[in-house]
Amino acid sequence: MAHRKKTSPIEDLLDIASSINWKISLAIAIISYFFFHYFAIKVLPVATDLHSATDSLPKQLFITFSKFLQYVIPVIFIIGACVSSFKSKHRIKLLDKQSGIESIRDMSWQDFELLVGEAFRRKGFVVIENGCGGADGGIDLVLTKNGKKSIVQCKRWKTFSIGVPLIRELYGVMTSERANDCIFVSSGNYTAEARLFAEDKPIWLIDGAELLEMVAGVQVQPNIKRPSVYQQPVATSPECPLCGSVMVKRTARKGANAGNEFWGCSAYPGCRGTR
């Protein structure tokens, strides 16, 4: 499982500010300025003895920090509001211009996550994006609705079928995050084993056909032409015999088979399965 990159408190605050609605970020910027400014201009009476000096020390430290925070916090949330506004416009345009499953598969993985987030947002969920940074601990989106929390992982794969290992990993993350359920979204398909694993668990598997329907259903002006019969993408790669992940073609560089192609596990070097 991927580990989160260590960040500073300012970076974390900026991530939060840019992931929520820009109007909320702007409101927080204004409120935080007046809050910290109120304390920044306070003047404490001069301490006359050691006891009063000790008592006033925490207050004096807070006043000192407030003089700094009255500008820093509003600036962070104003920047976050600008980023959030830009991303909001991009997400809206991104979703409404989709014309079919191929246009969805052709987008970058970052845009794919934004697309999925916007689709859920239009279905009434509060969506928090995990920064599109890759090392996300298995979580791309966090959804909340009616007091329930869902975690989402997105995979923009054109032909690969999602196997059991990735679904099992997401289920483990859901348990550790104490979420109510988890959702795996793919532009491709899932193996029979993956669907069987999810069948009796709070796991929602959204494949390319279901994603297409969801996007079409929330577009402001329907732009997707639904085919009479949707053809699921055919997996062109076999599953790893050791871990169940999809396999990729590689060329042997050493040994008696140097120069020959073979199927190697996509999870290499964690898994060394071959065919």
Protein backbone atom coordinates (compact mmCIF):
# COMPACT_ATOMS: atom_id res chain seq x y z
CA MET A 1 0.00 0.00 0.00
CA ALA A 2 1.30 3.45 -0.85
CA HIS A 3 2.35 5.80 1.92
CA ARG A 4 1.50 9.46 2.09
CA LYS A 5 4.28 11.93 1.44
CA LYS A 6 5.12 14.03 4.50
CA THR A 7 3.94 17.61 4.11
CA SER A 8 4.08 20.78 6.18
CA PRO A 9 1.03 22.12 8.07
CA ILE A 10 0.80 24.98 5.56
CA GLU A 11 0.70 22.52 2.63
CA ASP A 12 -1.95 20.44 4.40
CA LEU A 13 -4.04 23.57 5.05
CA LEU A 14 -3.69 24.63 1.41
CA ASP A 15 -4.82 21.17 0.27
CA ILE A 16 -7.90 21.46 2.46
CA ALA A 17 -8.62 25.02 1.27
CA SER A 18 -8.38 24.00 -2.40
CA SER A 19 -10.47 20.84 -2.00
CA ILE A 20 -13.57 22.46 -0.51
CA ASN A 21 -16.01 24.85 -2.19
CA TRP A 22 -14.32 28.16 -3.03
CA LYS A 23 -17.09 30.12 -1.31
CA ILE A 24 -16.42 28.29 1.93
CA SER A 25 -12.66 28.92 1.60
CA LEU A 26 -13.29 32.62 1.03
CA ALA A 27 -15.61 32.80 4.05
CA ILE A 28 -12.98 31.08 6.23
CA ALA A 29 -10.37 33.58 5.01
CA ILE A 30 -12.51 36.54 6.09
CA ILE A 31 -13.55 35.03 9.44
CA SER A 32 -10.00 33.92 10.30
CA TYR A 33 -8.62 37.41 9.65
CA PHE A 34 -11.05 39.10 12.04
CA PHE A 35 -10.64 36.30 14.62
CA PHE A 36 -6.84 36.51 14.81
CA HIS A 37 -6.80 40.29 14.35
CA TYR A 38 -9.01 40.63 17.44
CA PHE A 39 -6.32 38.96 19.56
CA ALA A 40 -3.35 40.44 17.68
CA ILE A 41 -4.22 43.99 18.77
CA LYS A 42 -4.74 43.06 22.43
CA VAL A 43 -2.27 44.37 24.98
CA LEU A 44 -1.78 42.46 28.21
CA PRO A 45 -1.10 44.35 31.45
CA VAL A 46 2.51 44.30 32.62
CA ALA A 47 3.18 41.42 34.99
CA THR A 48 4.06 42.55 38.51
CA ASP A 49 5.27 39.24 39.92
CA LEU A 50 6.44 35.79 38.82
CA HIS A 51 3.02 34.18 39.29
CA SER A 52 1.21 36.67 37.02
CA ALA A 53 4.02 36.49 34.49
CA THR A 54 3.68 32.70 34.33
CA ASP A 55 -0.12 32.97 33.94
CA SER A 56 0.13 35.54 31.15
CA LEU A 57 2.78 33.65 29.14
CA PRO A 58 0.32 31.42 27.16
CA LYS A 59 -1.86 34.46 26.41
CA GLN A 60 1.16 36.43 25.23
CA LEU A 61 2.29 33.57 22.99
CA PHE A 62 -1.19 33.35 21.44
CA ILE A 63 -1.21 37.11 20.83
CA THR A 64 2.23 36.87 19.21
CA PHE A 65 1.15 34.01 16.95
CA SER A 66 -2.09 35.83 16.12
CA LYS A 67 -0.10 38.74 14.69
CA PHE A 68 1.39 36.25 12.24
CA LEU A 69 -1.69 34.10 11.64
CA GLN A 70 -4.03 37.02 10.93
CA TYR A 71 -2.33 37.32 7.53
CA VAL A 72 -1.07 33.79 6.83
CA ILE A 73 -4.35 31.88 7.32
CA PRO A 74 -6.46 34.27 5.16
CA VAL A 75 -3.84 34.23 2.39
CA ILE A 76 -3.78 30.40 2.38
CA PHE A 77 -7.57 30.19 2.11
CA ILE A 78 -7.75 32.93 -0.54
CA ILE A 79 -5.22 30.98 -2.64
CA GLY A 80 -7.21 27.82 -1.94
CA ALA A 81 -10.43 29.56 -3.05
CA CYS A 82 -8.81 30.56 -6.35
CA VAL A 83 -7.54 27.02 -6.97
CA SER A 84 -10.92 25.55 -5.99
CA SER A 85 -12.77 27.93 -8.35
CA PHE A 86 -10.47 27.03 -11.25
CA LYS A 87 -10.81 23.30 -10.58
CA SER A 88 -14.59 23.63 -10.30
CA LYS A 89 -14.85 25.23 -13.75
CA HIS A 90 -12.50 22.62 -15.19
CA ARG A 91 -14.51 19.73 -13.67
CA ILE A 92 -17.80 21.11 -15.02
CA LYS A 93 -16.39 21.51 -18.54
CA LEU A 94 -14.67 18.12 -18.32
CA LEU A 95 -17.86 16.23 -17.50
CA ASP A 96 -20.21 18.03 -19.88
CA LYS A 97 -17.95 17.58 -22.93
CA GLN A 98 -17.69 13.78 -22.67
CA SER A 99 -19.21 12.10 -25.72
CA GLY A 100 -18.67 8.40 -24.99
CA ILE A 101 -16.56 5.77 -23.29
CA GLU A 102 -13.63 6.35 -25.65
CA SER A 103 -13.36 10.03 -24.75
CA ILE A 104 -13.34 9.00 -21.08
CA ARG A 105 -10.60 6.45 -21.64
CA ASP A 106 -8.49 8.95 -23.58
CA MET A 107 -8.24 11.48 -20.74
CA SER A 108 -5.36 11.61 -18.25
CA TRP A 109 -5.68 9.77 -14.94
CA GLN A 110 -5.80 13.12 -13.13
CA ASP A 111 -8.76 14.28 -15.21
CA PHE A 112 -10.38 10.87 -14.81
CA GLU A 113 -10.39 11.35 -11.03
CA LEU A 114 -11.84 14.86 -11.41
CA LEU A 115 -14.53 13.52 -13.75
CA VAL A 116 -15.58 10.82 -11.31
CA GLY A 117 -15.60 13.32 -8.44
CA GLU A 118 -17.79 15.76 -10.37
CA ALA A 119 -20.23 12.98 -11.31
CA PHE A 120 -20.67 12.05 -7.65
CA ARG A 121 -20.89 15.71 -6.68
CA ARG A 122 -23.84 16.17 -9.07
CA LYS A 123 -25.49 13.14 -7.51
CA GLY A 124 -25.59 14.97 -4.17
CA PHE A 125 -22.37 13.80 -2.52
CA VAL A 126 -19.89 16.07 -0.75
CA VAL A 127 -16.60 15.21 -2.47
CA ILE A 128 -13.08 15.69 -1.17
CA GLU A 129 -10.34 15.03 -3.71
CA ASN A 130 -7.13 13.52 -2.46
CA GLY A 131 -4.90 15.87 -4.42
CA CYS A 132 -4.35 13.69 -7.51
CA GLY A 133 -0.89 13.09 -6.23
CA GLY A 134 -0.51 9.36 -6.78
CA ALA A 135 0.74 8.39 -3.27
CA ASP A 136 -2.74 8.57 -1.84
CA GLY A 137 -2.82 5.50 0.37
CA GLY A 138 -5.42 3.87 -1.92
CA ILE A 139 -7.92 6.73 -1.68
CA ASP A 140 -8.59 9.10 -4.59
CA LEU A 141 -11.89 10.57 -3.37
CA VAL A 142 -13.79 10.73 -0.10
CA LEU A 143 -17.58 10.99 -0.38
CA THR A 144 -20.06 11.90 2.32
CA LYS A 145 -23.84 11.88 2.12
CA ASN A 146 -26.55 11.47 4.76
CA GLY A 147 -23.91 10.96 7.44
CA LYS A 148 -22.21 8.10 5.59
CA LYS A 149 -18.61 8.06 4.40
CA SER A 150 -17.40 6.31 1.25
CA ILE A 151 -13.88 6.05 -0.13
CA VAL A 152 -13.23 5.84 -3.87
CA GLN A 153 -10.36 4.56 -5.98
CA CYS A 154 -10.24 5.35 -9.72
CA LYS A 155 -8.44 3.44 -12.48
CA ARG A 156 -8.48 4.73 -16.04
CA TRP A 157 -7.54 1.52 -17.81
CA LYS A 158 -8.43 0.95 -21.44
CA THR A 159 -8.31 -2.83 -21.65
CA PHE A 160 -7.10 -4.28 -18.36
CA SER A 161 -9.59 -6.04 -16.12
CA ILE A 162 -9.29 -5.22 -12.42
CA GLY A 163 -8.38 -8.31 -10.41
CA VAL A 164 -9.00 -9.35 -6.81
CA PRO A 165 -5.77 -7.91 -5.29
CA LEU A 166 -6.71 -4.27 -5.93
CA ILE A 167 -10.27 -4.79 -4.66
CA ARG A 168 -9.01 -6.57 -1.56
CA GLU A 169 -6.54 -3.74 -0.89
CA LEU A 170 -9.27 -1.09 -1.17
CA TYR A 171 -11.47 -3.11 1.19
CA GLY A 172 -8.63 -3.11 3.72
CA VAL A 173 -8.26 0.67 3.40
CA MET A 174 -12.01 1.06 3.91
CA THR A 175 -11.78 -0.90 7.16
CA SER A 176 -8.83 1.10 8.46
CA GLU A 177 -10.52 4.39 7.55
CA ARG A 178 -13.77 3.24 9.21
CA ALA A 179 -15.76 4.14 6.10
CA ASN A 180 -19.24 2.79 5.52
CA ASP A 181 -18.39 1.44 2.08
CA CYS A 182 -15.88 1.70 -0.74
CA ILE A 183 -16.27 2.30 -4.47
CA PHE A 184 -13.90 1.18 -7.22
CA VAL A 185 -14.35 3.04 -10.52
CA SER A 186 -12.77 1.78 -13.72
CA SER A 187 -13.17 2.64 -17.38
CA GLY A 188 -12.59 -1.04 -18.07
CA ASN A 189 -14.01 -4.18 -16.46
CA TYR A 190 -13.50 -6.54 -13.52
CA THR A 191 -12.57 -10.19 -13.39
CA ALA A 192 -15.16 -12.72 -12.28
CA GLU A 193 -13.08 -13.35 -9.15
CA ALA A 194 -13.11 -9.63 -8.28
CA ARG A 195 -16.89 -9.44 -8.65
CA LEU A 196 -17.32 -12.58 -6.54
CA PHE A 197 -15.12 -11.13 -3.79
CA ALA A 198 -17.17 -7.89 -3.69
CA GLU A 199 -20.54 -9.61 -3.87
CA ASP A 200 -21.25 -9.95 -0.13
CA LYS A 201 -19.28 -6.88 1.03
CA PRO A 202 -19.94 -3.11 1.10
CA ILE A 203 -18.00 -2.71 -2.14
CA TRP A 204 -19.44 -1.02 -5.22
CA LEU A 205 -17.69 -1.90 -8.49
CA ILE A 206 -18.38 0.62 -11.27
CA ASP A 207 -17.20 -0.55 -14.69
CA GLY A 208 -17.00 1.35 -17.97
CA ALA A 209 -20.66 0.80 -18.87
CA GLU A 210 -21.94 1.97 -15.48
CA LEU A 211 -19.59 4.95 -15.45
CA LEU A 212 -20.83 5.98 -18.89
CA GLU A 213 -24.43 5.82 -17.68
CA MET A 214 -23.61 7.82 -14.56
CA VAL A 215 -21.84 10.58 -16.51
CA ALA A 216 -24.61 10.73 -19.11
CA GLY A 217 -27.22 10.96 -16.38
CA VAL A 218 -25.72 14.08 -14.77
CA GLN A 219 -24.62 16.05 -17.84
CA VAL A 220 -26.31 19.47 -18.06
CA GLN A 221 -26.89 18.93 -21.77
CA PRO A 222 -26.67 15.23 -22.69
CA ASN A 223 -23.70 14.83 -24.99
CA ILE A 224 -23.21 11.07 -24.79
CA LYS A 225 -24.72 8.87 -27.47
CA ARG A 226 -25.52 5.56 -25.87
CA PRO A 227 -24.97 2.55 -28.14
CA SER A 228 -27.82 0.06 -28.36
CA VAL A 229 -25.45 -2.63 -27.10
CA TYR A 230 -22.46 -1.67 -24.99
CA GLN A 231 -19.36 -3.75 -25.62
CA GLN A 232 -17.20 -4.22 -22.55
CA PRO A 233 -13.47 -3.92 -23.23
CA VAL A 234 -11.81 -7.28 -23.65
CA ALA A 235 -8.88 -7.94 -21.39
CA THR A 236 -5.85 -8.52 -23.63
CA SER A 237 -3.55 -9.48 -20.76
CA PRO A 238 -3.68 -12.63 -18.61
CA GLU A 239 -3.81 -12.56 -14.82
CA CYS A 240 -0.71 -13.26 -12.76
CA PRO A 241 -0.80 -16.86 -11.50
CA LEU A 242 0.70 -15.73 -8.17
CA CYS A 243 -1.20 -12.58 -7.15
CA GLY A 244 -3.99 -12.14 -9.73
CA SER A 245 -2.77 -8.75 -11.04
CA VAL A 246 -2.79 -8.03 -14.76
CA MET A 247 0.36 -8.96 -16.64
CA VAL A 248 2.37 -6.94 -19.14
CA LYS A 249 4.62 -7.99 -21.99
CA ARG A 250 8.34 -7.70 -21.27
CA THR A 251 11.52 -8.66 -23.10
CA ALA A 252 14.12 -10.84 -21.42
CA ARG A 253 17.46 -9.03 -21.19
CA LYS A 254 19.62 -11.80 -19.76
CA GLY A 255 20.01 -15.55 -19.83
CA ALA A 256 19.22 -18.14 -22.47
CA ASN A 257 15.94 -16.39 -23.38
CA ALA A 258 17.46 -12.93 -23.88
CA GLY A 259 15.52 -11.03 -26.55
CA ASN A 260 12.37 -13.15 -26.20
CA GLU A 261 9.06 -11.69 -25.01
CA PHE A 262 7.23 -13.04 -21.97
CA TRP A 263 4.32 -12.06 -19.69
CA GLY A 264 5.47 -10.50 -16.41
CA CYS A 265 3.42 -9.37 -13.43
CA SER A 266 2.59 -5.63 -13.42
CA ALA A 267 3.26 -5.62 -9.65
CA TYR A 268 6.96 -6.44 -10.22
CA PRO A 269 9.25 -6.35 -8.21
CA GLY A 270 6.72 -6.99 -5.44
CA CYS A 271 5.55 -10.04 -7.39
CA ARG A 272 7.70 -12.02 -9.82
CA GLY A 273 4.98 -14.08 -11.49
CA THR A 274 5.53 -14.92 -15.19
CA ARG A 275 3.83 -16.79 -18.02
